[in-house]
Amino acid sequence: MEHTVHRPRMSDNELRKAIGTLQQRADDARKQGADDDAARIERTIADYRDEMSQRL
């Protein structure tokens, strides 16, 4: 049997805030030379933006 993890759905405002915060973290990671970390954060941002676009 496969188990799936269900995250509570974030509100639109929570998603917007998360995207903004994560973008700042990705920018900071890039400035510090942590390109792998920045790329991982940016994948999360893309997932969140995709979720937002599906809601519209």
PDB file of N, CA and C in Angstrom:
ATOM      1  N   MET A   1       0.851  -1.184   0.000  1.00  0.00           N
ATOM      2  CA  MET A   1       0.000   0.000   0.000  1.00  0.00           C
ATOM      3  C   MET A   1       0.891   1.239   0.000  1.00  0.00           C
ATOM      4  N   GLU A   2       0.564   2.164  -0.856  1.00  0.00           N
ATOM      5  CA  GLU A   2       1.348   3.390  -0.961  1.00  0.00           C
ATOM      6  C   GLU A   2       0.710   4.486  -0.122  1.00  0.00           C
ATOM      7  N   HIS A   3       1.547   5.194   0.606  1.00  0.00           N
ATOM      8  CA  HIS A   3       1.056   6.293   1.442  1.00  0.00           C
ATOM      9  C   HIS A   3       1.384   7.615   0.769  1.00  0.00           C
ATOM     10  N   THR A   4       0.448   8.506   0.820  1.00  0.00           N
ATOM     11  CA  THR A   4       0.668   9.844   0.292  1.00  0.00           C
ATOM     12  C   THR A   4       0.576  10.852   1.420  1.00  0.00           C
ATOM     13  N   VAL A   5       1.415  11.851   1.311  1.00  0.00           N
ATOM     14  CA  VAL A   5       1.400  12.914   2.308  1.00  0.00           C
ATOM     15  C   VAL A   5       0.521  14.030   1.774  1.00  0.00           C
ATOM     16  N   HIS A   6      -0.470  14.411   2.540  1.00  0.00           N
ATOM     17  CA  HIS A   6      -1.359  15.500   2.148  1.00  0.00           C
ATOM     18  C   HIS A   6      -1.001  16.740   2.948  1.00  0.00           C
ATOM     19  N   ARG A   7      -0.607  17.779   2.221  1.00  0.00           N
ATOM     20  CA  ARG A   7      -0.328  19.054   2.875  1.00  0.00           C
ATOM     21  C   ARG A   7      -1.618  19.844   2.957  1.00  0.00           C
ATOM     22  N   PRO A   8      -1.794  20.563   4.047  1.00  0.00           N
ATOM     23  CA  PRO A   8      -2.969  21.443   4.090  1.00  0.00           C
ATOM     24  C   PRO A   8      -2.849  22.471   2.966  1.00  0.00           C
ATOM     25  N   ARG A   9      -3.958  22.755   2.334  1.00  0.00           N
ATOM     26  CA  ARG A   9      -3.943  23.707   1.222  1.00  0.00           C
ATOM     27  C   ARG A   9      -3.719  25.114   1.746  1.00  0.00           C
ATOM     28  N   MET A  10      -2.750  25.799   1.140  1.00  0.00           N
ATOM     29  CA  MET A  10      -2.471  27.182   1.522  1.00  0.00           C
ATOM     30  C   MET A  10      -3.483  28.101   0.839  1.00  0.00           C
ATOM     31  N   SER A  11      -3.812  29.179   1.515  1.00  0.00           N
ATOM     32  CA  SER A  11      -4.684  30.181   0.903  1.00  0.00           C
ATOM     33  C   SER A  11      -3.890  30.913  -0.184  1.00  0.00           C
ATOM     34  N   ASP A  12      -4.601  31.666  -1.024  1.00  0.00           N
ATOM     35  CA  ASP A  12      -3.931  32.449  -2.068  1.00  0.00           C
ATOM     36  C   ASP A  12      -2.920  33.409  -1.451  1.00  0.00           C
ATOM     37  N   ASN A  13      -3.309  34.062  -0.375  1.00  0.00           N
ATOM     38  CA  ASN A  13      -2.399  35.010   0.274  1.00  0.00           C
ATOM     39  C   ASN A  13      -1.175  34.313   0.843  1.00  0.00           C
ATOM     40  N   GLU A  14      -1.369  33.130   1.430  1.00  0.00           N
ATOM     41  CA  GLU A  14      -0.232  32.375   1.964  1.00  0.00           C
ATOM     42  C   GLU A  14       0.723  31.965   0.844  1.00  0.00           C
ATOM     43  N   LEU A  15       0.164  31.561  -0.286  1.00  0.00           N
ATOM     44  CA  LEU A  15       1.005  31.201  -1.427  1.00  0.00           C
ATOM     45  C   LEU A  15       1.802  32.397  -1.922  1.00  0.00           C
ATOM     46  N   ARG A  16       1.148  33.545  -2.050  1.00  0.00           N
ATOM     47  CA  ARG A  16       1.849  34.754  -2.498  1.00  0.00           C
ATOM     48  C   ARG A  16       2.982  35.111  -1.543  1.00  0.00           C
ATOM     49  N   LYS A  17       2.699  35.053  -0.255  1.00  0.00           N
ATOM     50  CA  LYS A  17       3.719  35.378   0.747  1.00  0.00           C
ATOM     51  C   LYS A  17       4.873  34.379   0.682  1.00  0.00           C
ATOM     52  N   ALA A  18       4.548  33.097   0.540  1.00  0.00           N
ATOM     53  CA  ALA A  18       5.578  32.058   0.461  1.00  0.00           C
ATOM     54  C   ALA A  18       6.457  32.261  -0.775  1.00  0.00           C
ATOM     55  N   ILE A  19       5.835  32.580  -1.896  1.00  0.00           N
ATOM     56  CA  ILE A  19       6.593  32.808  -3.128  1.00  0.00           C
ATOM     57  C   ILE A  19       7.563  33.975  -2.942  1.00  0.00           C
ATOM     58  N   GLY A  20       7.086  35.068  -2.363  1.00  0.00           N
ATOM     59  CA  GLY A  20       7.948  36.227  -2.138  1.00  0.00           C
ATOM     60  C   GLY A  20       9.109  35.910  -1.204  1.00  0.00           C
ATOM     61  N   THR A  21       8.813  35.217  -0.124  1.00  0.00           N
ATOM     62  CA  THR A  21       9.847  34.858   0.848  1.00  0.00           C
ATOM     63  C   THR A  21      10.867  33.913   0.220  1.00  0.00           C
ATOM     64  N   LEU A  22      10.376  32.913  -0.497  1.00  0.00           N
ATOM     65  CA  LEU A  22      11.281  31.957  -1.122  1.00  0.00           C
ATOM     66  C   LEU A  22      12.131  32.611  -2.205  1.00  0.00           C
ATOM     67  N   GLN A  23      11.572  33.579  -2.925  1.00  0.00           N
ATOM     68  CA  GLN A  23      12.358  34.268  -3.949  1.00  0.00           C
ATOM     69  C   GLN A  23      13.514  35.023  -3.319  1.00  0.00           C
ATOM     70  N   GLN A  24      13.254  35.662  -2.191  1.00  0.00           N
ATOM     71  CA  GLN A  24      14.331  36.356  -1.476  1.00  0.00           C
ATOM     72  C   GLN A  24      15.408  35.372  -1.036  1.00  0.00           C
ATOM     73  N   ARG A  25      14.989  34.219  -0.543  1.00  0.00           N
ATOM     74  CA  ARG A  25      15.956  33.196  -0.103  1.00  0.00           C
ATOM     75  C   ARG A  25      16.760  32.656  -1.273  1.00  0.00           C
ATOM     76  N   ALA A  26      16.106  32.460  -2.412  1.00  0.00           N
ATOM     77  CA  ALA A  26      16.820  31.978  -3.599  1.00  0.00           C
ATOM     78  C   ALA A  26      17.848  33.008  -4.054  1.00  0.00           C
ATOM     79  N   ASP A  27      17.454  34.278  -4.055  1.00  0.00           N
ATOM     80  CA  ASP A  27      18.383  35.350  -4.433  1.00  0.00           C
ATOM     81  C   ASP A  27      19.579  35.385  -3.488  1.00  0.00           C
ATOM     82  N   ASP A  28      19.317  35.283  -2.181  1.00  0.00           N
ATOM     83  CA  ASP A  28      20.399  35.276  -1.192  1.00  0.00           C
ATOM     84  C   ASP A  28      21.320  34.073  -1.390  1.00  0.00           C
ATOM     85  N   ALA A  29      20.733  32.917  -1.661  1.00  0.00           N
ATOM     86  CA  ALA A  29      21.533  31.704  -1.870  1.00  0.00           C
ATOM     87  C   ALA A  29      22.448  31.878  -3.078  1.00  0.00           C
ATOM     88  N   ARG A  30      21.919  32.450  -4.153  1.00  0.00           N
ATOM     89  CA  ARG A  30      22.749  32.685  -5.343  1.00  0.00           C
ATOM     90  C   ARG A  30      23.899  33.646  -5.040  1.00  0.00           C
ATOM     91  N   LYS A  31      23.599  34.707  -4.303  1.00  0.00           N
ATOM     92  CA  LYS A  31      24.640  35.683  -3.951  1.00  0.00           C
ATOM     93  C   LYS A  31      25.751  35.046  -3.133  1.00  0.00           C
ATOM     94  N   GLN A  32      25.388  34.032  -2.345  1.00  0.00           N
ATOM     95  CA  GLN A  32      26.371  33.351  -1.497  1.00  0.00           C
ATOM     96  C   GLN A  32      27.031  32.176  -2.221  1.00  0.00           C
ATOM     97  N   GLY A  33      26.689  31.982  -3.482  1.00  0.00           N
ATOM     98  CA  GLY A  33      27.300  30.915  -4.265  1.00  0.00           C
ATOM     99  C   GLY A  33      26.679  29.547  -4.067  1.00  0.00           C
ATOM    100  N   ALA A  34      25.535  29.483  -3.430  1.00  0.00           N
ATOM    101  CA  ALA A  34      24.852  28.212  -3.191  1.00  0.00           C
ATOM    102  C   ALA A  34      23.844  27.964  -4.316  1.00  0.00           C
ATOM    103  N   ASP A  35      24.376  27.706  -5.505  1.00  0.00           N
ATOM    104  CA  ASP A  35      23.521  27.569  -6.679  1.00  0.00           C
ATOM    105  C   ASP A  35      22.574  26.371  -6.596  1.00  0.00           C
ATOM    106  N   ASP A  36      23.034  25.268  -6.018  1.00  0.00           N
ATOM    107  CA  ASP A  36      22.161  24.095  -5.880  1.00  0.00           C
ATOM    108  C   ASP A  36      20.971  24.402  -4.970  1.00  0.00           C
ATOM    109  N   ASP A  37      21.244  25.090  -3.867  1.00  0.00           N
ATOM    110  CA  ASP A  37      20.162  25.469  -2.953  1.00  0.00           C
ATOM    111  C   ASP A  37      19.188  26.415  -3.643  1.00  0.00           C
ATOM    112  N   ALA A  38      19.729  27.381  -4.371  1.00  0.00           N
ATOM    113  CA  ALA A  38      18.884  28.345  -5.080  1.00  0.00           C
ATOM    114  C   ALA A  38      18.008  27.631  -6.105  1.00  0.00           C
ATOM    115  N   ALA A  39      18.582  26.683  -6.817  1.00  0.00           N
ATOM    116  CA  ALA A  39      17.810  25.945  -7.827  1.00  0.00           C
ATOM    117  C   ALA A  39      16.686  25.138  -7.179  1.00  0.00           C
ATOM    118  N   ARG A  40      16.967  24.539  -6.037  1.00  0.00           N
ATOM    119  CA  ARG A  40      15.951  23.754  -5.325  1.00  0.00           C
ATOM    120  C   ARG A  40      14.811  24.670  -4.859  1.00  0.00           C
ATOM    121  N   ILE A  41      15.170  25.828  -4.334  1.00  0.00           N
ATOM    122  CA  ILE A  41      14.160  26.795  -3.885  1.00  0.00           C
ATOM    123  C   ILE A  41      13.332  27.268  -5.080  1.00  0.00           C
ATOM    124  N   GLU A  42      13.993  27.521  -6.204  1.00  0.00           N
ATOM    125  CA  GLU A  42      13.284  28.002  -7.387  1.00  0.00           C
ATOM    126  C   GLU A  42      12.346  26.946  -7.961  1.00  0.00           C
ATOM    127  N   ARG A  43      12.657  25.658  -7.797  1.00  0.00           N
ATOM    128  CA  ARG A  43      11.721  24.604  -8.214  1.00  0.00           C
ATOM    129  C   ARG A  43      10.462  24.654  -7.349  1.00  0.00           C
ATOM    130  N   THR A  44      10.647  24.913  -6.057  1.00  0.00           N
ATOM    131  CA  THR A  44       9.492  25.038  -5.162  1.00  0.00           C
ATOM    132  C   THR A  44       8.651  26.245  -5.561  1.00  0.00           C
ATOM    133  N   ILE A  45       9.310  27.346  -5.875  1.00  0.00           N
ATOM    134  CA  ILE A  45       8.599  28.548  -6.322  1.00  0.00           C
ATOM    135  C   ILE A  45       7.789  28.233  -7.582  1.00  0.00           C
ATOM    136  N   ALA A  46       8.386  27.518  -8.516  1.00  0.00           N
ATOM    137  CA  ALA A  46       7.680  27.161  -9.757  1.00  0.00           C
ATOM    138  C   ALA A  46       6.460  26.301  -9.453  1.00  0.00           C
ATOM    139  N   ASP A  47       6.606  25.372  -8.509  1.00  0.00           N
ATOM    140  CA  ASP A  47       5.460  24.538  -8.118  1.00  0.00           C
ATOM    141  C   ASP A  47       4.346  25.393  -7.528  1.00  0.00           C
ATOM    142  N   TYR A  48       4.715  26.337  -6.673  1.00  0.00           N
ATOM    143  CA  TYR A  48       3.712  27.216  -6.056  1.00  0.00           C
ATOM    144  C   TYR A  48       3.034  28.094  -7.098  1.00  0.00           C
ATOM    145  N   ARG A  49       3.817  28.610  -8.045  1.00  0.00           N
ATOM    146  CA  ARG A  49       3.232  29.441  -9.099  1.00  0.00           C
ATOM    147  C   ARG A  49       2.294  28.623  -9.981  1.00  0.00           C
ATOM    148  N   ASP A  50       2.672  27.385 -10.236  1.00  0.00           N
ATOM    149  CA  ASP A  50       1.813  26.497 -11.010  1.00  0.00           C
ATOM    150  C   ASP A  50       0.497  26.265 -10.278  1.00  0.00           C
ATOM    151  N   GLU A  51       0.590  26.047  -8.971  1.00  0.00           N
ATOM    152  CA  GLU A  51      -0.621  25.866  -8.168  1.00  0.00           C
ATOM    153  C   GLU A  51      -1.507  27.102  -8.235  1.00  0.00           C
ATOM    154  N   MET A  52      -0.889  28.278  -8.140  1.00  0.00           N
ATOM    155  CA  MET A  52      -1.665  29.527  -8.226  1.00  0.00           C
ATOM    156  C   MET A  52      -2.360  29.633  -9.583  1.00  0.00           C
ATOM    157  N   SER A  53      -1.652  29.296 -10.656  1.00  0.00           N
ATOM    158  CA  SER A  53      -2.254  29.432 -11.987  1.00  0.00           C
ATOM    159  C   SER A  53      -3.416  28.460 -12.183  1.00  0.00           C
ATOM    160  N   GLN A  54      -3.357  27.306 -11.541  1.00  0.00           N
ATOM    161  CA  GLN A  54      -4.448  26.347 -11.651  1.00  0.00           C
ATOM    162  C   GLN A  54      -5.700  26.811 -10.904  1.00  0.00           C
ATOM    163  N   ARG A  55      -5.523  27.676  -9.958  1.00  0.00           N
ATOM    164  CA  ARG A  55      -6.666  28.178  -9.184  1.00  0.00           C
ATOM    165  C   ARG A  55      -7.429  29.258  -9.923  1.00  0.00           C
ATOM    166  N   LEU A  56      -6.774  29.913 -10.868  1.00  0.00           N
ATOM    167  CA  LEU A  56      -7.421  31.041 -11.570  1.00  0.00           C
ATOM    168  C   LEU A  56      -8.414  30.606 -12.595  1.00  0.00           C
TER     169      LEU A  56
END
